[in-house]
Amino acid sequence: MKDFQKILDSIARTHRITPEEVLRDMQAALDDAYILSDRGPAPSPEEFVFQAARLLSRQSPGPWEPAHDQPAQSLH
């Protein structure tokens, strides 16, 4: 997924590490979280980001987006 690579590159630049280190650290965090929760094997970082994005896209709009039955609010 090209967009996932952009995410890794951006995080790596911000933290002055390599994209491979970002990926390794993300996998370690997922592995730890899934071991503690007894949910089975952890997903890959790419799978996790994809699942999280799908979940977030189905949730209600954020404060910057109008709800379907309400007018938009100003952020100023």
N, C-alpha and C. Protein backbone atom coordinates (compact mmCIF):
# COMPACT_ATOMS: atom_id res chain seq x y z
N MET A 1 0.85 -1.18 0.00
CA MET A 1 0.00 0.00 0.00
C MET A 1 0.89 1.24 0.00
N LYS A 2 0.79 2.02 -1.05
CA LYS A 2 1.64 3.20 -1.21
C LYS A 2 1.38 4.23 -0.11
N ASP A 3 0.11 4.41 0.28
CA ASP A 3 -0.21 5.38 1.33
C ASP A 3 0.41 4.98 2.66
N PHE A 4 0.44 3.68 2.95
CA PHE A 4 1.05 3.22 4.20
C PHE A 4 2.53 3.56 4.21
N GLN A 5 3.20 3.40 3.10
CA GLN A 5 4.62 3.74 3.03
C GLN A 5 4.82 5.23 3.28
N LYS A 6 3.91 6.07 2.79
CA LYS A 6 3.99 7.51 3.06
C LYS A 6 3.86 7.79 4.55
N ILE A 7 2.97 7.05 5.22
CA ILE A 7 2.80 7.21 6.66
C ILE A 7 4.10 6.84 7.38
N LEU A 8 4.66 5.70 7.02
CA LEU A 8 5.93 5.28 7.63
C LEU A 8 7.02 6.31 7.40
N ASP A 9 7.13 6.80 6.17
CA ASP A 9 8.16 7.79 5.85
C ASP A 9 7.98 9.07 6.66
N SER A 10 6.75 9.51 6.81
CA SER A 10 6.48 10.73 7.57
C SER A 10 6.85 10.56 9.05
N ILE A 11 6.45 9.46 9.63
CA ILE A 11 6.78 9.19 11.04
C ILE A 11 8.29 9.10 11.20
N ALA A 12 8.93 8.42 10.28
CA ALA A 12 10.40 8.27 10.35
C ALA A 12 11.10 9.62 10.29
N ARG A 13 10.67 10.47 9.38
CA ARG A 13 11.28 11.81 9.28
C ARG A 13 11.08 12.59 10.57
N THR A 14 9.86 12.54 11.10
CA THR A 14 9.56 13.28 12.33
C THR A 14 10.44 12.84 13.49
N HIS A 15 10.68 11.54 13.58
CA HIS A 15 11.43 11.00 14.71
C HIS A 15 12.90 10.70 14.39
N ARG A 16 13.30 11.06 13.16
CA ARG A 16 14.69 10.90 12.72
C ARG A 16 15.18 9.47 12.87
N ILE A 17 14.34 8.54 12.41
CA ILE A 17 14.69 7.13 12.36
C ILE A 17 14.31 6.61 10.98
N THR A 18 14.62 5.38 10.70
CA THR A 18 14.30 4.82 9.39
C THR A 18 12.86 4.28 9.37
N PRO A 19 12.27 4.21 8.20
CA PRO A 19 10.94 3.60 8.09
C PRO A 19 10.91 2.16 8.61
N GLU A 20 12.02 1.45 8.43
CA GLU A 20 12.10 0.08 8.93
C GLU A 20 12.02 0.04 10.46
N GLU A 21 12.64 1.03 11.11
CA GLU A 21 12.56 1.11 12.58
C GLU A 21 11.13 1.42 13.03
N VAL A 22 10.45 2.29 12.29
CA VAL A 22 9.05 2.60 12.60
C VAL A 22 8.22 1.33 12.50
N LEU A 23 8.38 0.61 11.43
CA LEU A 23 7.63 -0.62 11.21
C LEU A 23 7.93 -1.64 12.31
N ARG A 24 9.19 -1.80 12.65
CA ARG A 24 9.58 -2.74 13.71
C ARG A 24 8.96 -2.34 15.05
N ASP A 25 9.00 -1.05 15.38
CA ASP A 25 8.44 -0.58 16.65
C ASP A 25 6.92 -0.72 16.68
N MET A 26 6.28 -0.46 15.55
CA MET A 26 4.82 -0.63 15.48
C MET A 26 4.46 -2.10 15.69
N GLN A 27 5.20 -3.00 15.05
CA GLN A 27 4.90 -4.43 15.20
C GLN A 27 5.12 -4.88 16.64
N ALA A 28 6.18 -4.39 17.27
CA ALA A 28 6.44 -4.75 18.67
C ALA A 28 5.30 -4.28 19.58
N ALA A 29 4.82 -3.05 19.35
CA ALA A 29 3.71 -2.53 20.16
C ALA A 29 2.44 -3.35 19.94
N LEU A 30 2.16 -3.70 18.69
CA LEU A 30 0.98 -4.52 18.40
C LEU A 30 1.11 -5.90 19.04
N ASP A 31 2.28 -6.51 18.92
CA ASP A 31 2.50 -7.82 19.52
C ASP A 31 2.26 -7.77 21.03
N ASP A 32 2.82 -6.75 21.69
CA ASP A 32 2.62 -6.60 23.14
C ASP A 32 1.16 -6.43 23.49
N ALA A 33 0.46 -5.59 22.74
CA ALA A 33 -0.96 -5.34 23.02
C ALA A 33 -1.80 -6.59 22.83
N TYR A 34 -1.53 -7.34 21.80
CA TYR A 34 -2.33 -8.53 21.52
C TYR A 34 -2.00 -9.67 22.48
N ILE A 35 -0.77 -9.75 22.96
CA ILE A 35 -0.42 -10.76 23.96
C ILE A 35 -1.18 -10.47 25.25
N LEU A 36 -1.22 -9.20 25.64
CA LEU A 36 -1.91 -8.83 26.89
C LEU A 36 -3.42 -9.03 26.80
N SER A 37 -3.97 -8.96 25.61
CA SER A 37 -5.43 -9.06 25.47
C SER A 37 -5.90 -10.46 25.13
N ASP A 38 -5.00 -11.40 24.91
CA ASP A 38 -5.38 -12.77 24.53
C ASP A 38 -6.27 -12.79 23.30
N ARG A 39 -6.00 -11.94 22.33
CA ARG A 39 -6.83 -11.87 21.12
C ARG A 39 -6.27 -12.67 19.96
N GLY A 40 -5.24 -13.43 20.21
CA GLY A 40 -4.64 -14.18 19.11
C GLY A 40 -3.48 -13.42 18.52
N PRO A 41 -3.02 -13.84 17.36
CA PRO A 41 -1.86 -13.18 16.76
C PRO A 41 -2.17 -11.74 16.35
N ALA A 42 -1.19 -10.89 16.54
CA ALA A 42 -1.35 -9.48 16.19
C ALA A 42 -1.34 -9.30 14.68
N PRO A 43 -2.09 -8.31 14.19
CA PRO A 43 -2.03 -8.00 12.76
C PRO A 43 -0.71 -7.30 12.45
N SER A 44 -0.40 -7.21 11.19
CA SER A 44 0.77 -6.42 10.79
C SER A 44 0.42 -4.95 10.99
N PRO A 45 1.41 -4.08 11.09
CA PRO A 45 1.11 -2.65 11.20
C PRO A 45 0.24 -2.15 10.05
N GLU A 46 0.49 -2.61 8.84
CA GLU A 46 -0.31 -2.19 7.69
C GLU A 46 -1.77 -2.63 7.84
N GLU A 47 -1.98 -3.88 8.27
CA GLU A 47 -3.35 -4.36 8.49
C GLU A 47 -4.04 -3.56 9.58
N PHE A 48 -3.31 -3.26 10.66
CA PHE A 48 -3.89 -2.51 11.77
C PHE A 48 -4.31 -1.11 11.33
N VAL A 49 -3.44 -0.42 10.60
CA VAL A 49 -3.76 0.94 10.14
C VAL A 49 -4.97 0.90 9.20
N PHE A 50 -5.02 -0.07 8.31
CA PHE A 50 -6.16 -0.20 7.40
C PHE A 50 -7.46 -0.44 8.18
N GLN A 51 -7.42 -1.35 9.17
CA GLN A 51 -8.61 -1.63 9.98
C GLN A 51 -9.04 -0.41 10.77
N ALA A 52 -8.08 0.30 11.36
CA ALA A 52 -8.40 1.50 12.15
C ALA A 52 -9.00 2.58 11.26
N ALA A 53 -8.46 2.77 10.07
CA ALA A 53 -9.00 3.77 9.14
C ALA A 53 -10.42 3.42 8.74
N ARG A 54 -10.67 2.15 8.48
CA ARG A 54 -12.04 1.72 8.13
C ARG A 54 -13.00 1.98 9.27
N LEU A 55 -12.58 1.65 10.49
CA LEU A 55 -13.44 1.87 11.66
C LEU A 55 -13.71 3.36 11.85
N LEU A 56 -12.70 4.17 11.76
CA LEU A 56 -12.87 5.61 11.95
C LEU A 56 -13.73 6.23 10.87
N SER A 57 -13.65 5.73 9.66
CA SER A 57 -14.45 6.31 8.58
C SER A 57 -15.94 6.01 8.75
N ARG A 58 -16.28 4.99 9.54
CA ARG A 58 -17.68 4.64 9.77
C ARG A 58 -18.27 5.35 10.99
N GLN A 59 -17.44 6.00 11.79
CA GLN A 59 -17.93 6.64 13.00
C GLN A 59 -18.53 8.00 12.69
N SER A 60 -19.15 8.58 13.70
CA SER A 60 -19.81 9.87 13.51
C SER A 60 -18.78 10.94 13.13
N PRO A 61 -19.24 12.00 12.49
CA PRO A 61 -18.32 13.05 12.04
C PRO A 61 -17.64 13.74 13.21
N GLY A 62 -16.46 14.25 12.96
CA GLY A 62 -15.73 14.99 13.97
C GLY A 62 -16.27 16.40 14.09
N PRO A 63 -15.71 17.20 14.99
CA PRO A 63 -16.22 18.56 15.22
C PRO A 63 -16.06 19.46 14.00
N TRP A 64 -15.20 19.09 13.08
CA TRP A 64 -14.97 19.89 11.88
C TRP A 64 -15.92 19.51 10.75
N GLU A 65 -16.70 18.45 10.93
CA GLU A 65 -17.64 18.02 9.91
C GLU A 65 -19.06 18.13 10.44
N PRO A 66 -19.98 18.65 9.66
CA PRO A 66 -21.36 18.74 10.14
C PRO A 66 -22.00 17.37 10.20
N ALA A 67 -22.83 17.17 11.21
CA ALA A 67 -23.64 15.96 11.26
C ALA A 67 -24.65 16.06 10.13
N HIS A 68 -25.23 14.96 9.75
CA HIS A 68 -26.14 14.96 8.60
C HIS A 68 -27.36 15.85 8.80
N ASP A 69 -27.79 16.03 10.04
CA ASP A 69 -29.01 16.81 10.28
C ASP A 69 -28.73 18.16 10.94
N GLN A 70 -27.46 18.59 10.99
CA GLN A 70 -27.13 19.85 11.63
C GLN A 70 -26.27 20.70 10.71
N PRO A 71 -26.40 22.04 10.81
CA PRO A 71 -25.56 22.91 9.99
C PRO A 71 -24.11 22.87 10.51
N ALA A 72 -23.19 23.19 9.66
CA ALA A 72 -21.79 23.21 10.02
C ALA A 72 -21.54 24.32 11.05
N GLN A 73 -20.63 24.06 12.01
CA GLN A 73 -20.26 25.04 12.98
C GLN A 73 -18.95 25.68 12.59
N SER A 74 -18.81 26.95 12.91
CA SER A 74 -17.57 27.63 12.61
C SER A 74 -16.49 27.23 13.60
N LEU A 75 -15.26 27.10 13.15
CA LEU A 75 -14.15 26.77 14.04
C LEU A 75 -13.49 28.04 14.58
N HIS A 76 -13.96 29.19 14.17
CA HIS A 76 -13.34 30.45 14.60
C HIS A 76 -14.02 31.01 15.79
